Each structure stands twice: as C-alpha cells, then as structure tokens.
Full PDB file with SEQRES, HELIX, SHEET, SSBOND, CRYST1, ORIGX, SCALE, CONECT and MASTER records, all heavy atoms in Angstrom:
SEQRES   1 A   44  VAL VAL ILE GLY PHE SER SER PHE TYR ILE TYR THR LYS          
SEQRES   2 A   44  TYR VAL ALA THR ASN GLY LEU ILE ILE LYS GLU LYS ARG          
SEQRES   3 A   44  ILE VAL SER ASN ARG LEU PRO LYS SER PHE ASP SER THR          
SEQRES   4 A   44  LYS ILE ILE HIS PHE                                          
HELIX    1 AA1 VAL A    2  ILE A   10  1                                   9    
HELIX    2 AA2 TYR A   11  VAL A   15  3                                   5    
HELIX    3 AA3 LYS A   34  PHE A   36  5                                   3    
CRYST1    1.000    1.000    1.000  90.00  90.00  90.00 P 1           1          
ORIGX1      1.000000  0.000000  0.000000        0.00000                         
ORIGX2      0.000000  1.000000  0.000000        0.00000                         
ORIGX3      0.000000  0.000000  1.000000        0.00000                         
SCALE1      1.000000  0.000000  0.000000        0.00000                         
SCALE2      0.000000  1.000000  0.000000        0.00000                         
SCALE3      0.000000  0.000000  1.000000        0.00000                         
ATOM      1  N   VAL A   1     122.667  72.933  93.582  1.00  0.00           N  
ATOM      2  CA  VAL A   1     122.766  74.378  93.797  1.00  0.00           C  
ATOM      3  C   VAL A   1     122.707  75.131  92.601  1.00  0.00           C  
ATOM      4  O   VAL A   1     122.077  76.151  92.471  1.00  0.00           O  
ATOM      5  CB  VAL A   1     124.159  74.675  94.672  1.00  0.00           C  
ATOM      6  CG1 VAL A   1     124.354  76.106  94.688  1.00  0.00           C  
ATOM      7  CG2 VAL A   1     124.020  74.004  95.977  1.00  0.00           C  
ATOM      8  N   VAL A   2     123.492  74.710  91.632  1.00  0.00           N  
ATOM      9  CA  VAL A   2     123.598  75.442  90.244  1.00  0.00           C  
ATOM     10  C   VAL A   2     122.179  75.509  89.543  1.00  0.00           C  
ATOM     11  O   VAL A   2     121.678  76.460  89.071  1.00  0.00           O  
ATOM     12  CB  VAL A   2     124.587  74.787  89.312  1.00  0.00           C  
ATOM     13  CG1 VAL A   2     124.472  75.356  87.941  1.00  0.00           C  
ATOM     14  CG2 VAL A   2     125.982  74.994  89.860  1.00  0.00           C  
ATOM     15  N   ILE A   3     121.474  74.286  89.540  1.00  0.00           N  
ATOM     16  CA  ILE A   3     120.144  74.146  89.003  1.00  0.00           C  
ATOM     17  C   ILE A   3     119.192  75.095  89.768  1.00  0.00           C  
ATOM     18  O   ILE A   3     118.387  75.852  89.232  1.00  0.00           O  
ATOM     19  CB  ILE A   3     119.741  72.767  88.938  1.00  0.00           C  
ATOM     20  CG1 ILE A   3     120.534  71.902  87.936  1.00  0.00           C  
ATOM     21  CG2 ILE A   3     118.224  72.628  88.510  1.00  0.00           C  
ATOM     22  CD1 ILE A   3     120.470  72.386  86.624  1.00  0.00           C  
ATOM     23  N   GLY A   4     119.283  74.987  91.126  1.00  0.00           N  
ATOM     24  CA  GLY A   4     118.438  75.792  91.996  1.00  0.00           C  
ATOM     25  C   GLY A   4     118.568  77.270  91.741  1.00  0.00           C  
ATOM     26  O   GLY A   4     117.654  77.990  91.632  1.00  0.00           O  
ATOM     27  N   PHE A   5     119.835  77.720  91.757  1.00  0.00           N  
ATOM     28  CA  PHE A   5     120.131  79.172  91.615  1.00  0.00           C  
ATOM     29  C   PHE A   5     119.730  79.584  90.131  1.00  0.00           C  
ATOM     30  O   PHE A   5     119.070  80.695  89.951  1.00  0.00           O  
ATOM     31  CB  PHE A   5     121.618  79.383  91.734  1.00  0.00           C  
ATOM     32  CG  PHE A   5     121.993  80.745  91.517  1.00  0.00           C  
ATOM     33  CD1 PHE A   5     121.806  81.773  92.551  1.00  0.00           C  
ATOM     34  CD2 PHE A   5     122.561  81.162  90.310  1.00  0.00           C  
ATOM     35  CE1 PHE A   5     122.122  83.044  92.255  1.00  0.00           C  
ATOM     36  CE2 PHE A   5     122.910  82.575  90.074  1.00  0.00           C  
ATOM     37  CZ  PHE A   5     122.745  83.492  91.123  1.00  0.00           C  
ATOM     38  N   SER A   6     119.998  78.709  89.139  1.00  0.00           N  
ATOM     39  CA  SER A   6     119.592  79.055  87.775  1.00  0.00           C  
ATOM     40  C   SER A   6     118.080  79.168  87.677  1.00  0.00           C  
ATOM     41  O   SER A   6     117.557  80.116  86.992  1.00  0.00           O  
ATOM     42  CB  SER A   6     120.132  78.044  86.810  1.00  0.00           C  
ATOM     43  OG  SER A   6     121.680  78.021  86.849  1.00  0.00           O  
ATOM     44  N   SER A   7     117.447  78.126  88.254  1.00  0.00           N  
ATOM     45  CA  SER A   7     115.955  78.260  88.180  1.00  0.00           C  
ATOM     46  C   SER A   7     115.345  79.468  88.909  1.00  0.00           C  
ATOM     47  O   SER A   7     114.460  80.109  88.398  1.00  0.00           O  
ATOM     48  CB  SER A   7     115.441  76.965  88.894  1.00  0.00           C  
ATOM     49  OG  SER A   7     115.805  75.835  88.180  1.00  0.00           O  
ATOM     50  N   PHE A   8     116.042  79.766  90.038  1.00  0.00           N  
ATOM     51  CA  PHE A   8     115.534  81.001  90.780  1.00  0.00           C  
ATOM     52  C   PHE A   8     115.793  82.237  89.956  1.00  0.00           C  
ATOM     53  O   PHE A   8     114.957  83.133  89.937  1.00  0.00           O  
ATOM     54  CB  PHE A   8     116.231  81.044  92.121  1.00  0.00           C  
ATOM     55  CG  PHE A   8     115.912  82.197  92.973  1.00  0.00           C  
ATOM     56  CD1 PHE A   8     114.749  82.185  93.745  1.00  0.00           C  
ATOM     57  CD2 PHE A   8     116.630  83.352  93.084  1.00  0.00           C  
ATOM     58  CE1 PHE A   8     114.335  83.298  94.542  1.00  0.00           C  
ATOM     59  CE2 PHE A   8     116.331  84.445  93.824  1.00  0.00           C  
ATOM     60  CZ  PHE A   8     115.175  84.395  94.588  1.00  0.00           C  
ATOM     61  N   TYR A   9     116.982  82.297  89.429  1.00  0.00           N  
ATOM     62  CA  TYR A   9     117.317  83.397  88.555  1.00  0.00           C  
ATOM     63  C   TYR A   9     116.365  83.635  87.414  1.00  0.00           C  
ATOM     64  O   TYR A   9     115.841  84.765  87.128  1.00  0.00           O  
ATOM     65  CB  TYR A   9     118.776  83.312  88.006  1.00  0.00           C  
ATOM     66  CG  TYR A   9     119.199  84.385  87.143  1.00  0.00           C  
ATOM     67  CD1 TYR A   9     119.738  85.566  87.680  1.00  0.00           C  
ATOM     68  CD2 TYR A   9     119.063  84.385  85.781  1.00  0.00           C  
ATOM     69  CE1 TYR A   9     120.102  86.683  86.827  1.00  0.00           C  
ATOM     70  CE2 TYR A   9     119.472  85.340  84.974  1.00  0.00           C  
ATOM     71  CZ  TYR A   9     119.919  86.516  85.399  1.00  0.00           C  
ATOM     72  OH  TYR A   9     120.357  87.626  84.617  1.00  0.00           O  
ATOM     73  N   ILE A  10     116.081  82.555  86.672  1.00  0.00           N  
ATOM     74  CA  ILE A  10     115.256  82.599  85.507  1.00  0.00           C  
ATOM     75  C   ILE A  10     113.822  82.928  85.976  1.00  0.00           C  
ATOM     76  O   ILE A  10     113.164  83.807  85.261  1.00  0.00           O  
ATOM     77  CB  ILE A  10     115.180  81.272  84.819  1.00  0.00           C  
ATOM     78  CG1 ILE A  10     116.504  80.986  84.213  1.00  0.00           C  
ATOM     79  CG2 ILE A  10     114.039  81.143  83.732  1.00  0.00           C  
ATOM     80  CD1 ILE A  10     116.708  79.553  83.540  1.00  0.00           C  
ATOM     81  N   TYR A  11     113.324  82.439  87.118  1.00  0.00           N  
ATOM     82  CA  TYR A  11     112.003  82.661  87.566  1.00  0.00           C  
ATOM     83  C   TYR A  11     111.859  84.182  87.990  1.00  0.00           C  
ATOM     84  O   TYR A  11     110.988  84.829  87.546  1.00  0.00           O  
ATOM     85  CB  TYR A  11     111.634  81.881  88.750  1.00  0.00           C  
ATOM     86  CG  TYR A  11     110.241  82.139  89.358  1.00  0.00           C  
ATOM     87  CD1 TYR A  11     109.154  81.649  88.778  1.00  0.00           C  
ATOM     88  CD2 TYR A  11     110.252  82.978  90.451  1.00  0.00           C  
ATOM     89  CE1 TYR A  11     107.922  81.999  89.297  1.00  0.00           C  
ATOM     90  CE2 TYR A  11     108.990  83.328  91.062  1.00  0.00           C  
ATOM     91  CZ  TYR A  11     107.808  82.812  90.358  1.00  0.00           C  
ATOM     92  OH  TYR A  11     106.601  83.144  90.952  1.00  0.00           O  
ATOM     93  N   THR A  12     112.802  84.669  88.770  1.00  0.00           N  
ATOM     94  CA  THR A  12     112.663  86.030  89.273  1.00  0.00           C  
ATOM     95  C   THR A  12     112.983  87.096  88.238  1.00  0.00           C  
ATOM     96  O   THR A  12     112.464  88.232  88.282  1.00  0.00           O  
ATOM     97  CB  THR A  12     113.628  86.238  90.460  1.00  0.00           C  
ATOM     98  OG1 THR A  12     114.954  85.945  90.043  1.00  0.00           O  
ATOM     99  CG2 THR A  12     113.342  85.404  91.653  1.00  0.00           C  
ATOM    100  N   LYS A  13     113.819  86.700  87.218  1.00  0.00           N  
ATOM    101  CA  LYS A  13     114.118  87.664  86.229  1.00  0.00           C  
ATOM    102  C   LYS A  13     113.173  87.718  85.057  1.00  0.00           C  
ATOM    103  O   LYS A  13     112.841  88.708  84.512  1.00  0.00           O  
ATOM    104  CB  LYS A  13     115.516  87.220  85.648  1.00  0.00           C  
ATOM    105  CG  LYS A  13     116.030  88.123  84.495  1.00  0.00           C  
ATOM    106  CD  LYS A  13     116.481  89.535  84.903  1.00  0.00           C  
ATOM    107  CE  LYS A  13     117.043  90.205  83.710  1.00  0.00           C  
ATOM    108  NZ  LYS A  13     117.449  91.636  84.092  1.00  0.00           N  
ATOM    109  N   TYR A  14     112.659  86.456  84.629  1.00  0.00           N  
ATOM    110  CA  TYR A  14     111.880  86.385  83.392  1.00  0.00           C  
ATOM    111  C   TYR A  14     110.338  85.938  83.550  1.00  0.00           C  
ATOM    112  O   TYR A  14     109.486  86.276  82.749  1.00  0.00           O  
ATOM    113  CB  TYR A  14     112.478  85.471  82.412  1.00  0.00           C  
ATOM    114  CG  TYR A  14     113.944  85.920  82.047  1.00  0.00           C  
ATOM    115  CD1 TYR A  14     115.061  85.250  82.510  1.00  0.00           C  
ATOM    116  CD2 TYR A  14     114.115  86.982  81.163  1.00  0.00           C  
ATOM    117  CE1 TYR A  14     116.310  85.616  82.172  1.00  0.00           C  
ATOM    118  CE2 TYR A  14     115.414  87.437  80.825  1.00  0.00           C  
ATOM    119  CZ  TYR A  14     116.500  86.683  81.313  1.00  0.00           C  
ATOM    120  OH  TYR A  14     117.818  87.087  81.017  1.00  0.00           O  
ATOM    121  N   VAL A  15     110.204  85.218  84.664  1.00  0.00           N  
ATOM    122  CA  VAL A  15     108.731  84.814  84.953  1.00  0.00           C  
ATOM    123  C   VAL A  15     108.051  85.702  85.856  1.00  0.00           C  
ATOM    124  O   VAL A  15     107.081  86.212  85.566  1.00  0.00           O  
ATOM    125  CB  VAL A  15     108.804  83.333  85.465  1.00  0.00           C  
ATOM    126  CG1 VAL A  15     107.357  82.844  85.810  1.00  0.00           C  
ATOM    127  CG2 VAL A  15     109.458  82.455  84.443  1.00  0.00           C  
ATOM    128  N   ALA A  16     108.575  86.011  87.021  1.00  0.00           N  
ATOM    129  CA  ALA A  16     107.916  86.841  88.062  1.00  0.00           C  
ATOM    130  C   ALA A  16     107.841  88.267  87.662  1.00  0.00           C  
ATOM    131  O   ALA A  16     106.964  88.947  88.224  1.00  0.00           O  
ATOM    132  CB  ALA A  16     108.635  86.700  89.412  1.00  0.00           C  
ATOM    133  N   THR A  17     108.593  88.664  86.691  1.00  0.00           N  
ATOM    134  CA  THR A  17     108.424  90.059  86.230  1.00  0.00           C  
ATOM    135  C   THR A  17     107.370  90.202  85.143  1.00  0.00           C  
ATOM    136  O   THR A  17     107.174  91.310  84.660  1.00  0.00           O  
ATOM    137  CB  THR A  17     109.816  90.596  85.710  1.00  0.00           C  
ATOM    138  OG1 THR A  17     110.309  89.729  84.703  1.00  0.00           O  
ATOM    139  CG2 THR A  17     110.818  90.703  86.799  1.00  0.00           C  
ATOM    140  N   ASN A  18     106.914  89.132  84.728  1.00  0.00           N  
ATOM    141  CA  ASN A  18     105.838  89.023  83.685  1.00  0.00           C  
ATOM    142  C   ASN A  18     104.511  88.469  84.221  1.00  0.00           C  
ATOM    143  O   ASN A  18     104.347  88.233  85.385  1.00  0.00           O  
ATOM    144  CB  ASN A  18     106.282  88.271  82.456  1.00  0.00           C  
ATOM    145  CG  ASN A  18     107.496  88.981  81.692  1.00  0.00           C  
ATOM    146  OD1 ASN A  18     107.290  90.058  81.066  1.00  0.00           O  
ATOM    147  ND2 ASN A  18     108.651  88.525  81.955  1.00  0.00           N  
ATOM    148  N   GLY A  19     103.606  88.143  83.392  1.00  0.00           N  
ATOM    149  CA  GLY A  19     102.358  87.589  83.858  1.00  0.00           C  
ATOM    150  C   GLY A  19     101.542  88.525  84.689  1.00  0.00           C  
ATOM    151  O   GLY A  19     101.225  88.206  85.893  1.00  0.00           O  
ATOM    152  N   LEU A  20     101.207  89.702  84.177  1.00  0.00           N  
ATOM    153  CA  LEU A  20     100.459  90.634  84.895  1.00  0.00           C  
ATOM    154  C   LEU A  20      99.065  90.137  85.411  1.00  0.00           C  
ATOM    155  O   LEU A  20      98.423  89.455  84.744  1.00  0.00           O  
ATOM    156  CB  LEU A  20     100.180  91.832  83.917  1.00  0.00           C  
ATOM    157  CG  LEU A  20      99.490  93.081  84.489  1.00  0.00           C  
ATOM    158  CD1 LEU A  20     100.392  93.836  85.537  1.00  0.00           C  
ATOM    159  CD2 LEU A  20      99.085  94.021  83.417  1.00  0.00           C  
ATOM    160  N   ILE A  21      98.866  90.461  86.702  1.00  0.00           N  
ATOM    161  CA  ILE A  21      97.558  89.951  87.326  1.00  0.00           C  
ATOM    162  C   ILE A  21      96.730  91.144  87.674  1.00  0.00           C  
ATOM    163  O   ILE A  21      97.269  92.259  87.963  1.00  0.00           O  
ATOM    164  CB  ILE A  21      97.831  89.089  88.497  1.00  0.00           C  
ATOM    165  CG1 ILE A  21      98.719  89.809  89.569  1.00  0.00           C  
ATOM    166  CG2 ILE A  21      98.644  87.760  88.138  1.00  0.00           C  
ATOM    167  CD1 ILE A  21      98.908  89.059  90.886  1.00  0.00           C  
ATOM    168  N   ILE A  22      95.362  90.874  87.782  1.00  0.00           N  
ATOM    169  CA  ILE A  22      94.467  91.938  88.171  1.00  0.00           C  
ATOM    170  C   ILE A  22      93.946  91.602  89.585  1.00  0.00           C  
ATOM    171  O   ILE A  22      93.405  90.460  89.830  1.00  0.00           O  
ATOM    172  CB  ILE A  22      93.183  91.941  87.230  1.00  0.00           C  
ATOM    173  CG1 ILE A  22      93.686  92.156  85.760  1.00  0.00           C  
ATOM    174  CG2 ILE A  22      92.263  93.100  87.652  1.00  0.00           C  
ATOM    175  CD1 ILE A  22      94.408  93.373  85.415  1.00  0.00           C  
ATOM    176  N   LYS A  23      94.149  92.499  90.469  1.00  0.00           N  
ATOM    177  CA  LYS A  23      93.724  92.401  91.857  1.00  0.00           C  
ATOM    178  C   LYS A  23      92.369  93.127  92.036  1.00  0.00           C  
ATOM    179  O   LYS A  23      92.430  94.444  91.975  1.00  0.00           O  
ATOM    180  CB  LYS A  23      94.716  92.798  92.864  1.00  0.00           C  
ATOM    181  CG  LYS A  23      96.051  92.026  92.822  1.00  0.00           C  
ATOM    182  CD  LYS A  23      97.060  92.598  93.783  1.00  0.00           C  
ATOM    183  CE  LYS A  23      98.364  91.830  93.722  1.00  0.00           C  
ATOM    184  NZ  LYS A  23      99.471  92.415  94.650  1.00  0.00           N  
ATOM    185  N   GLU A  24      91.315  92.426  92.159  1.00  0.00           N  
ATOM    186  CA  GLU A  24      90.003  93.159  92.245  1.00  0.00           C  
ATOM    187  C   GLU A  24      89.541  93.186  93.744  1.00  0.00           C  
ATOM    188  O   GLU A  24      89.582  92.185  94.553  1.00  0.00           O  
ATOM    189  CB  GLU A  24      88.992  92.332  91.517  1.00  0.00           C  
ATOM    190  CG  GLU A  24      87.653  93.066  91.435  1.00  0.00           C  
ATOM    191  CD  GLU A  24      86.693  92.391  90.315  1.00  0.00           C  
ATOM    192  OE1 GLU A  24      87.102  91.667  89.545  1.00  0.00           O  
ATOM    193  OE2 GLU A  24      85.503  92.743  90.418  1.00  0.00           O  
ATOM    194  N   LYS A  25      89.099  94.430  94.133  1.00  0.00           N  
ATOM    195  CA  LYS A  25      88.707  94.682  95.491  1.00  0.00           C  
ATOM    196  C   LYS A  25      87.348  95.464  95.552  1.00  0.00           C  
ATOM    197  O   LYS A  25      87.070  96.313  94.572  1.00  0.00           O  
ATOM    198  CB  LYS A  25      89.802  95.512  96.273  1.00  0.00           C  
ATOM    199  CG  LYS A  25      91.105  94.831  96.283  1.00  0.00           C  
ATOM    200  CD  LYS A  25      91.245  93.701  97.140  1.00  0.00           C  
ATOM    201  CE  LYS A  25      92.691  93.091  97.152  1.00  0.00           C  
ATOM    202  NZ  LYS A  25      92.757  91.937  98.001  1.00  0.00           N  
ATOM    203  N   ARG A  26      86.500  95.161  96.429  1.00  0.00           N  
ATOM    204  CA  ARG A  26      85.269  95.842  96.600  1.00  0.00           C  
ATOM    205  C   ARG A  26      85.420  96.690  97.894  1.00  0.00           C  
ATOM    206  O   ARG A  26      85.700  96.260  98.941  1.00  0.00           O  
ATOM    207  CB  ARG A  26      84.115  94.872  96.763  1.00  0.00           C  
ATOM    208  CG  ARG A  26      82.666  95.545  96.727  1.00  0.00           C  
ATOM    209  CD  ARG A  26      81.638  94.477  96.569  1.00  0.00           C  
ATOM    210  NE  ARG A  26      80.283  95.025  96.476  1.00  0.00           N  
ATOM    211  CZ  ARG A  26      79.491  95.163  97.447  1.00  0.00           C  
ATOM    212  NH1 ARG A  26      79.795  94.794  98.671  1.00  0.00           N  
ATOM    213  NH2 ARG A  26      78.272  95.646  97.305  1.00  0.00           N  
ATOM    214  N   ILE A  27      85.079  98.065  97.669  1.00  0.00           N  
ATOM    215  CA  ILE A  27      85.269  98.967  98.889  1.00  0.00           C  
ATOM    216  C   ILE A  27      83.847  99.467  99.174  1.00  0.00           C  
ATOM    217  O   ILE A  27      83.251 100.186  98.285  1.00  0.00           O  
ATOM    218  CB  ILE A  27      86.213 100.086  98.444  1.00  0.00           C  
ATOM    219  CG1 ILE A  27      87.642  99.531  98.181  1.00  0.00           C  
ATOM    220  CG2 ILE A  27      86.291 101.131  99.587  1.00  0.00           C  
ATOM    221  CD1 ILE A  27      88.605 100.570  97.627  1.00  0.00           C  
ATOM    222  N   VAL A  28      83.489  99.327 100.394  1.00  0.00           N  
ATOM    223  CA  VAL A  28      82.078  99.773 100.837  1.00  0.00           C  
ATOM    224  C   VAL A  28      82.242 100.855 101.769  1.00  0.00           C  
ATOM    225  O   VAL A  28      82.992 100.846 102.707  1.00  0.00           O  
ATOM    226  CB  VAL A  28      81.395  98.542 101.399  1.00  0.00           C  
ATOM    227  CG1 VAL A  28      79.987  98.979 101.933  1.00  0.00           C  
ATOM    228  CG2 VAL A  28      81.281  97.392 100.529  1.00  0.00           C  
ATOM    229  N   SER A  29      81.446 101.984 101.461  1.00  0.00           N  
ATOM    230  CA  SER A  29      81.398 103.074 102.414  1.00  0.00           C  
ATOM    231  C   SER A  29      79.999 103.810 102.337  1.00  0.00           C  
ATOM    232  O   SER A  29      79.641 104.175 101.261  1.00  0.00           O  
ATOM    233  CB  SER A  29      82.495 104.088 102.094  1.00  0.00           C  
ATOM    234  OG  SER A  29      82.483 105.204 102.814  1.00  0.00           O  
ATOM    235  N   ASN A  30      79.455 104.030 103.413  1.00  0.00           N  
ATOM    236  CA  ASN A  30      78.216 104.801 103.454  1.00  0.00           C  
ATOM    237  C   ASN A  30      78.388 106.308 103.312  1.00  0.00           C  
ATOM    238  O   ASN A  30      77.461 107.062 103.266  1.00  0.00           O  
ATOM    239  CB  ASN A  30      77.419 104.536 104.777  1.00  0.00           C  
ATOM    240  CG  ASN A  30      78.176 104.855 106.004  1.00  0.00           C  
ATOM    241  OD1 ASN A  30      79.238 105.543 106.005  1.00  0.00           O  
ATOM    242  ND2 ASN A  30      77.720 104.396 107.191  1.00  0.00           N  
ATOM    243  N   ARG A  31      79.712 106.710 103.215  1.00  0.00           N  
ATOM    244  CA  ARG A  31      80.077 108.112 102.972  1.00  0.00           C  
ATOM    245  C   ARG A  31      79.967 108.410 101.440  1.00  0.00           C  
ATOM    246  O   ARG A  31      79.989 109.574 101.065  1.00  0.00           O  
ATOM    247  CB  ARG A  31      81.399 108.420 103.532  1.00  0.00           C  
ATOM    248  CG  ARG A  31      81.453 108.597 104.971  1.00  0.00           C  
ATOM    249  CD  ARG A  31      82.842 108.761 105.557  1.00  0.00           C  
ATOM    250  NE  ARG A  31      83.743 109.604 104.909  1.00  0.00           N  
ATOM    251  CZ  ARG A  31      83.680 110.971 104.848  1.00  0.00           C  
ATOM    252  NH1 ARG A  31      82.831 111.648 105.639  1.00  0.00           N  
ATOM    253  NH2 ARG A  31      84.533 111.690 104.149  1.00  0.00           N  
ATOM    254  N   LEU A  32      79.997 107.430 100.684  1.00  0.00           N  
ATOM    255  CA  LEU A  32      79.906 107.606  99.190  1.00  0.00           C  
ATOM    256  C   LEU A  32      78.547 108.140  98.738  1.00  0.00           C  
ATOM    257  O   LEU A  32      77.483 107.680  99.264  1.00  0.00           O  
ATOM    258  CB  LEU A  32      80.173 106.315  98.476  1.00  0.00           C  
ATOM    259  CG  LEU A  32      81.496 105.838  98.175  1.00  0.00           C  
ATOM    260  CD1 LEU A  32      81.572 104.434  97.697  1.00  0.00           C  
ATOM    261  CD2 LEU A  32      82.107 106.845  97.079  1.00  0.00           C  
ATOM    262  N   PRO A  33      78.430 109.108  97.905  1.00  0.00           N  
ATOM    263  CA  PRO A  33      77.228 109.530  97.320  1.00  0.00           C  
ATOM    264  C   PRO A  33      76.566 108.404  96.525  1.00  0.00           C  
ATOM    265  O   PRO A  33      77.377 107.578  95.967  1.00  0.00           O  
ATOM    266  CB  PRO A  33      77.549 110.654  96.299  1.00  0.00           C  
ATOM    267  CG  PRO A  33      78.876 111.179  96.846  1.00  0.00           C  
ATOM    268  CD  PRO A  33      79.574 109.975  97.422  1.00  0.00           C  
ATOM    269  N   LYS A  34      75.257 108.280  96.523  1.00  0.00           N  
ATOM    270  CA  LYS A  34      74.617 107.054  95.868  1.00  0.00           C  
ATOM    271  C   LYS A  34      74.996 107.024  94.461  1.00  0.00           C  
ATOM    272  O   LYS A  34      75.009 105.949  93.793  1.00  0.00           O  
ATOM    273  CB  LYS A  34      73.131 107.197  96.078  1.00  0.00           C  
ATOM    274  CG  LYS A  34      72.646 106.953  97.605  1.00  0.00           C  
ATOM    275  CD  LYS A  34      71.148 107.007  97.731  1.00  0.00           C  
ATOM    276  CE  LYS A  34      70.765 106.684  99.132  1.00  0.00           C  
ATOM    277  NZ  LYS A  34      69.199 106.656  99.232  1.00  0.00           N  
ATOM    278  N   SER A  35      75.226 108.166  93.870  1.00  0.00           N  
ATOM    279  CA  SER A  35      75.548 108.171  92.416  1.00  0.00           C  
ATOM    280  C   SER A  35      76.868 107.417  92.165  1.00  0.00           C  
ATOM    281  O   SER A  35      77.202 107.082  90.934  1.00  0.00           O  
ATOM    282  CB  SER A  35      75.595 109.589  91.849  1.00  0.00           C  
ATOM    283  OG  SER A  35      76.553 110.345  92.604  1.00  0.00           O  
ATOM    284  N   PHE A  36      77.728 107.281  93.116  1.00  0.00           N  
ATOM    285  CA  PHE A  36      79.024 106.649  92.935  1.00  0.00           C  
ATOM    286  C   PHE A  36      78.951 105.130  93.281  1.00  0.00           C  
ATOM    287  O   PHE A  36      79.961 104.422  93.226  1.00  0.00           O  
ATOM    288  CB  PHE A  36      80.070 107.257  93.722  1.00  0.00           C  
ATOM    289  CG  PHE A  36      80.612 108.585  93.115  1.00  0.00           C  
ATOM    290  CD1 PHE A  36      80.017 109.745  93.358  1.00  0.00           C  
ATOM    291  CD2 PHE A  36      81.728 108.534  92.247  1.00  0.00           C  
ATOM    292  CE1 PHE A  36      80.439 110.886  92.751  1.00  0.00           C  
ATOM    293  CE2 PHE A  36      82.227 109.709  91.685  1.00  0.00           C  
ATOM    294  CZ  PHE A  36      81.613 110.880  91.908  1.00  0.00           C  
ATOM    295  N   ASP A  37      77.739 104.637  93.562  1.00  0.00           N  
ATOM    296  CA  ASP A  37      77.597 103.250  93.812  1.00  0.00           C  
ATOM    297  C   ASP A  37      77.945 102.476  92.530  1.00  0.00           C  
ATOM    298  O   ASP A  37      77.550 102.839  91.314  1.00  0.00           O  
ATOM    299  CB  ASP A  37      76.147 102.842  94.215  1.00  0.00           C  
ATOM    300  CG  ASP A  37      76.047 101.454  94.722  1.00  0.00           C  
ATOM    301  OD1 ASP A  37      76.909 100.985  95.506  1.00  0.00           O  
ATOM    302  OD2 ASP A  37      75.158 100.779  94.263  1.00  0.00           O  
ATOM    303  N   SER A  38      78.743 101.391  92.601  1.00  0.00           N  
ATOM    304  CA  SER A  38      79.305 100.601  91.419  1.00  0.00           C  
ATOM    305  C   SER A  38      80.230 101.303  90.634  1.00  0.00           C  
ATOM    306  O   SER A  38      80.609 100.917  89.509  1.00  0.00           O  
ATOM    307  CB  SER A  38      78.045 100.136  90.591  1.00  0.00           C  
ATOM    308  OG  SER A  38      77.214  99.364  91.369  1.00  0.00           O  
ATOM    309  N   THR A  39      80.872 102.430  91.132  1.00  0.00           N  
ATOM    310  CA  THR A  39      81.888 103.124  90.385  1.00  0.00           C  
ATOM    311  C   THR A  39      83.127 102.237  90.279  1.00  0.00           C  
ATOM    312  O   THR A  39      83.500 101.593  91.286  1.00  0.00           O  
ATOM    313  CB  THR A  39      82.261 104.460  90.988  1.00  0.00           C  
ATOM    314  OG1 THR A  39      81.117 105.333  90.902  1.00  0.00           O  
ATOM    315  CG2 THR A  39      83.460 105.094  90.337  1.00  0.00           C  
ATOM    316  N   LYS A  40      83.741 102.138  89.100  1.00  0.00           N  
ATOM    317  CA  LYS A  40      84.908 101.282  88.897  1.00  0.00           C  
ATOM    318  C   LYS A  40      86.203 102.171  88.768  1.00  0.00           C  
ATOM    319  O   LYS A  40      86.173 103.146  87.957  1.00  0.00           O  
ATOM    320  CB  LYS A  40      84.712 100.460  87.704  1.00  0.00           C  
ATOM    321  CG  LYS A  40      83.636  99.396  87.871  1.00  0.00           C  
ATOM    322  CD  LYS A  40      83.434  98.568  86.584  1.00  0.00           C  
ATOM    323  CE  LYS A  40      82.816  99.321  85.431  1.00  0.00           C  
ATOM    324  NZ  LYS A  40      82.466  98.418  84.303  1.00  0.00           N  
ATOM    325  N   ILE A  41      87.218 101.849  89.568  1.00  0.00           N  
ATOM    326  CA  ILE A  41      88.457 102.541  89.493  1.00  0.00           C  
ATOM    327  C   ILE A  41      89.535 101.591  89.163  1.00  0.00           C  
ATOM    328  O   ILE A  41      89.745 100.538  89.846  1.00  0.00           O  
ATOM    329  CB  ILE A  41      88.725 103.203  90.866  1.00  0.00           C  
ATOM    330  CG1 ILE A  41      87.686 104.266  91.233  1.00  0.00           C  
ATOM    331  CG2 ILE A  41      90.142 103.896  90.841  1.00  0.00           C  
ATOM    332  CD1 ILE A  41      87.832 104.910  92.631  1.00  0.00           C  
ATOM    333  N   ILE A  42      90.419 101.983  88.247  1.00  0.00           N  
ATOM    334  CA  ILE A  42      91.582 101.139  87.847  1.00  0.00           C  
ATOM    335  C   ILE A  42      92.769 102.029  88.440  1.00  0.00           C  
ATOM    336  O   ILE A  42      92.959 103.104  88.147  1.00  0.00           O  
ATOM    337  CB  ILE A  42      91.800 100.960  86.404  1.00  0.00           C  
ATOM    338  CG1 ILE A  42      90.725  99.962  85.767  1.00  0.00           C  
ATOM    339  CG2 ILE A  42      93.120 100.533  86.038  1.00  0.00           C  
ATOM    340  CD1 ILE A  42      91.080  98.543  86.148  1.00  0.00           C  
ATOM    341  N   HIS A  43      93.669 101.277  89.181  1.00  0.00           N  
ATOM    342  CA  HIS A  43      94.901 102.001  89.725  1.00  0.00           C  
ATOM    343  C   HIS A  43      96.064 101.083  89.255  1.00  0.00           C  
ATOM    344  O   HIS A  43      96.170  99.912  89.527  1.00  0.00           O  
ATOM    345  CB  HIS A  43      94.817 101.984  91.282  1.00  0.00           C  
ATOM    346  CG  HIS A  43      96.072 102.329  91.889  1.00  0.00           C  
ATOM    347  ND1 HIS A  43      96.536 101.786  93.043  1.00  0.00           N  
ATOM    348  CD2 HIS A  43      97.098 103.278  91.530  1.00  0.00           C  
ATOM    349  CE1 HIS A  43      97.719 102.327  93.416  1.00  0.00           C  
ATOM    350  NE2 HIS A  43      98.031 103.170  92.558  1.00  0.00           N  
ATOM    351  N   PHE A  44      96.961 101.810  88.492  1.00  0.00           N  
ATOM    352  CA  PHE A  44      98.189 101.185  88.196  1.00  0.00           C  
ATOM    353  C   PHE A  44      99.461 102.022  88.491  1.00  0.00           C  
ATOM    354  O   PHE A  44      99.198 103.300  88.649  1.00  0.00           O  
ATOM    355  CB  PHE A  44      98.233 100.686  86.722  1.00  0.00           C  
ATOM    356  CG  PHE A  44      98.250 101.744  85.667  1.00  0.00           C  
ATOM    357  CD1 PHE A  44      99.442 101.919  84.863  1.00  0.00           C  
ATOM    358  CD2 PHE A  44      97.196 102.531  85.359  1.00  0.00           C  
ATOM    359  CE1 PHE A  44      99.487 102.908  83.879  1.00  0.00           C  
ATOM    360  CE2 PHE A  44      97.275 103.443  84.371  1.00  0.00           C  
ATOM    361  CZ  PHE A  44      98.430 103.624  83.618  1.00  0.00           C  
TER     362      PHE A  44                                                      
MASTER        0    0    0    3    0    0    0    6  361    1    0    4          
END                                                                             
C-alpha cells in the first residue's frame, strides 16, 4: 500500500504533470474558403 501510494503520488505529482504531448487533429469542412485549406492552428 505504501509503495503503491508513493508511486501514485510521484506519478501524478511529478510525471503526469510533465511530458507535454501534441494532439494533432485534421478538421474538414466545405464551408472553409479554399485559401484556408491546410491552415495550421495551435491551441494551448
């Protein structure tokens, strides 16, 4: 229990709060002007 709790604490406190990941999505819409085809948007 102590090892499990300590591991969970260390993971949630120091590991899971770091290691930034990039989530890439492709959004298709025929309402977009053609000039915006392949436009790249970063959201943070």
